[in-house]
């Protein structure tokens, strides 16, 4: 995609995500496919990168740590949604709460990060509205990433992000 960070920005992003993106529980997301051929881990990293890029390039003044942590953890539901029929009947509606619960269980989250995770599927989840600029950026970045992954990654139309 078009969201290229400078080496310094990329290093800052990786520093902020240290302790979250390299947590053994987060690495489990590498086992699950999200969209097309992209793993949930790759998707979450891509969403974090896009949201961070938008924040920097458009001077949105979002809090970087909350933005990046919330973005990375937005799909922290830890199951294969293609194979779990009991859960996935309403996956699109339920997984934000499951991801938030899992993230809260393992990481110390602030209110912004909780809102990011819970509201990232808006407007599908009508009552879970993004209530801060960080959540709006992640909601937008998630839609951009999901569209790209669904349409282009299946066709081999773009490289998958490097993992930390």
Protein backbone atom coordinates (compact mmCIF):
# COMPACT_ATOMS: atom_id res chain seq x y z
CA UNK A 1 0.00 0.00 0.00
CA UNK A 2 0.95 3.65 -0.11
CA UNK A 3 1.62 4.13 3.62
CA UNK A 4 5.40 4.20 3.64
CA UNK A 5 7.02 5.32 6.87
CA UNK A 6 10.47 6.81 7.09
CA UNK A 7 13.07 4.62 8.81
CA UNK A 8 12.83 6.83 11.91
CA UNK A 9 9.02 6.57 11.95
CA UNK A 10 9.18 2.82 11.48
CA UNK A 11 11.67 2.53 14.35
CA UNK A 12 9.41 4.66 16.59
CA UNK A 13 6.41 2.48 15.72
CA UNK A 14 8.32 -0.71 16.55
CA UNK A 15 9.58 0.78 19.82
CA UNK A 16 6.04 1.71 20.90
CA UNK A 17 4.77 -1.77 19.98
CA UNK A 18 7.60 -3.54 21.85
CA UNK A 19 6.10 -5.71 24.56
CA UNK A 20 2.81 -6.02 22.67
CA UNK A 21 3.64 -7.11 19.11
CA UNK A 22 6.36 -9.46 20.36
CA UNK A 23 4.30 -10.92 23.21
CA UNK A 24 3.92 -14.71 22.79
CA UNK A 25 0.12 -14.35 22.90
CA UNK A 26 0.22 -11.80 20.07
CA UNK A 27 2.50 -14.03 18.02
CA UNK A 28 -0.27 -16.66 18.04
CA UNK A 29 -2.10 -14.38 15.57
CA UNK A 30 0.45 -15.49 12.95
CA UNK A 31 -1.38 -18.83 12.84
CA UNK A 32 -4.73 -17.42 11.66
CA UNK A 33 -5.72 -16.07 8.25
CA UNK A 34 -7.58 -12.78 8.37
CA UNK A 35 -8.31 -11.75 4.76
CA UNK A 36 -7.10 -13.38 1.56
CA UNK A 37 -3.67 -14.78 2.40
CA UNK A 38 -2.88 -12.28 5.17
CA UNK A 39 -2.56 -13.46 8.77
CA UNK A 40 -4.30 -11.69 11.61
CA UNK A 41 -0.88 -10.60 12.90
CA UNK A 42 0.04 -9.05 9.53
CA UNK A 43 -3.36 -7.38 9.31
CA UNK A 44 -3.05 -5.85 12.78
CA UNK A 45 0.46 -4.61 12.02
CA UNK A 46 -0.74 -3.13 8.72
CA UNK A 47 -3.66 -1.35 10.42
CA UNK A 48 -1.27 0.10 13.00
CA UNK A 49 1.07 1.28 10.23
CA UNK A 50 -1.74 2.89 8.19
CA UNK A 51 -3.29 4.63 11.22
CA UNK A 52 0.13 5.91 12.29
CA UNK A 53 0.90 7.11 8.74
CA UNK A 54 -2.43 8.97 8.50
CA UNK A 55 -1.85 10.54 11.91
CA UNK A 56 1.61 11.76 10.92
CA UNK A 57 0.86 12.90 7.36
CA UNK A 58 -2.43 14.64 8.14
CA UNK A 59 -1.32 16.10 11.50
CA UNK A 60 -4.23 14.52 13.38
CA UNK A 61 -2.47 14.90 16.75
CA UNK A 62 -3.51 11.47 18.00
CA UNK A 63 -1.63 10.03 20.97
CA UNK A 64 0.87 7.74 19.27
CA UNK A 65 1.19 5.07 21.95
CA UNK A 66 -2.56 4.59 22.38
CA UNK A 67 -3.10 4.75 18.60
CA UNK A 68 -0.49 2.09 17.83
CA UNK A 69 -1.29 -0.24 20.72
CA UNK A 70 -5.04 -0.07 20.11
CA UNK A 71 -4.55 -0.55 16.39
CA UNK A 72 -2.34 -3.57 16.87
CA UNK A 73 -4.73 -5.16 19.38
CA UNK A 74 -7.96 -4.37 17.50
CA UNK A 75 -8.34 -7.97 16.24
CA UNK A 76 -6.79 -9.75 19.23
CA UNK A 77 -9.55 -12.40 19.33
CA UNK A 78 -7.12 -15.36 18.96
CA UNK A 79 -9.12 -17.88 16.95
CA UNK A 80 -9.60 -18.85 13.31
CA UNK A 81 -12.85 -17.15 12.41
CA UNK A 82 -13.14 -19.31 9.30
CA UNK A 83 -13.32 -22.52 11.33
CA UNK A 84 -15.14 -21.70 14.59
CA UNK A 85 -18.80 -21.90 13.60
CA UNK A 86 -20.05 -21.44 17.18
CA UNK A 87 -18.25 -18.13 17.46
CA UNK A 88 -18.17 -16.94 13.89
CA UNK A 89 -21.88 -16.99 13.13
CA UNK A 90 -21.78 -13.35 14.22
CA UNK A 91 -18.01 -12.85 14.14
CA UNK A 92 -18.19 -9.35 12.64
CA UNK A 93 -20.40 -8.21 15.49
CA UNK A 94 -18.82 -10.14 18.37
CA UNK A 95 -15.08 -10.12 17.81
CA UNK A 96 -14.45 -6.53 18.98
CA UNK A 97 -15.63 -7.45 22.48
CA UNK A 98 -13.66 -10.69 22.44
CA UNK A 99 -10.54 -8.82 21.30
CA UNK A 100 -11.02 -6.17 23.98
CA UNK A 101 -11.49 -8.83 26.67
CA UNK A 102 -8.34 -10.69 25.57
CA UNK A 103 -6.30 -7.48 25.37
CA UNK A 104 -7.51 -6.27 28.78
CA UNK A 105 -6.65 -9.64 30.29
CA UNK A 106 -3.05 -9.55 29.09
CA UNK A 107 -2.14 -5.87 28.77
CA UNK A 108 -2.73 -2.70 30.75
CA UNK A 109 -5.04 -0.68 28.45
CA UNK A 110 -6.08 2.94 28.72
CA UNK A 111 -9.62 4.07 27.87
CA UNK A 112 -8.56 5.19 24.38
CA UNK A 113 -7.15 1.75 23.57
CA UNK A 114 -10.33 0.09 24.85
CA UNK A 115 -12.46 2.35 22.63
CA UNK A 116 -10.23 1.69 19.62
CA UNK A 117 -10.60 -2.07 19.97
CA UNK A 118 -14.31 -2.10 20.73
CA UNK A 119 -15.35 0.40 18.04
CA UNK A 120 -13.14 -0.59 15.10
CA UNK A 121 -16.03 -2.33 13.27
CA UNK A 122 -18.27 0.74 13.31
CA UNK A 123 -20.71 1.31 11.62
CA UNK A 124 -21.43 -2.45 11.59
CA UNK A 125 -21.52 -2.31 15.38
CA UNK A 126 -23.85 0.69 15.56
CA UNK A 127 -23.71 1.31 19.30
CA UNK A 128 -19.93 0.96 19.68
CA UNK A 129 -18.99 4.34 18.27
CA UNK A 130 -15.42 5.64 17.95
CA UNK A 131 -15.21 8.29 20.68
CA UNK A 132 -11.75 9.69 20.09
CA UNK A 133 -9.57 10.61 17.13
CA UNK A 134 -7.41 7.53 17.67
CA UNK A 135 -10.43 5.23 17.32
CA UNK A 136 -11.59 7.06 14.18
CA UNK A 137 -8.14 6.65 12.62
CA UNK A 138 -8.03 2.92 13.40
CA UNK A 139 -11.58 2.41 12.11
CA UNK A 140 -10.56 4.08 8.84
CA UNK A 141 -7.23 2.23 8.63
CA UNK A 142 -8.98 -1.09 9.27
CA UNK A 143 -11.41 -0.49 6.39
CA UNK A 144 -8.53 0.47 4.08
CA UNK A 145 -6.45 -2.54 5.08
CA UNK A 146 -9.33 -5.01 4.88
CA UNK A 147 -10.29 -3.81 1.42
CA UNK A 148 -6.71 -4.05 0.17
CA UNK A 149 -6.19 -7.50 1.68
CA UNK A 150 -9.47 -8.87 0.37
CA UNK A 151 -9.12 -7.53 -3.17
CA UNK A 152 -5.38 -7.46 -3.78
CA UNK A 153 -3.62 -9.97 -1.55
CA UNK A 154 -5.65 -12.85 -3.01
CA UNK A 155 -4.44 -11.89 -6.46
CA UNK A 156 -0.86 -11.44 -5.36
CA UNK A 157 -1.26 -7.70 -5.93
CA UNK A 158 0.89 -6.48 -3.10
CA UNK A 159 3.54 -7.48 -0.61
CA UNK A 160 2.70 -8.37 2.93
CA UNK A 161 4.34 -6.19 5.59
CA UNK A 162 7.56 -7.26 7.21
CA UNK A 163 7.03 -8.64 10.67
CA UNK A 164 9.07 -7.32 13.59
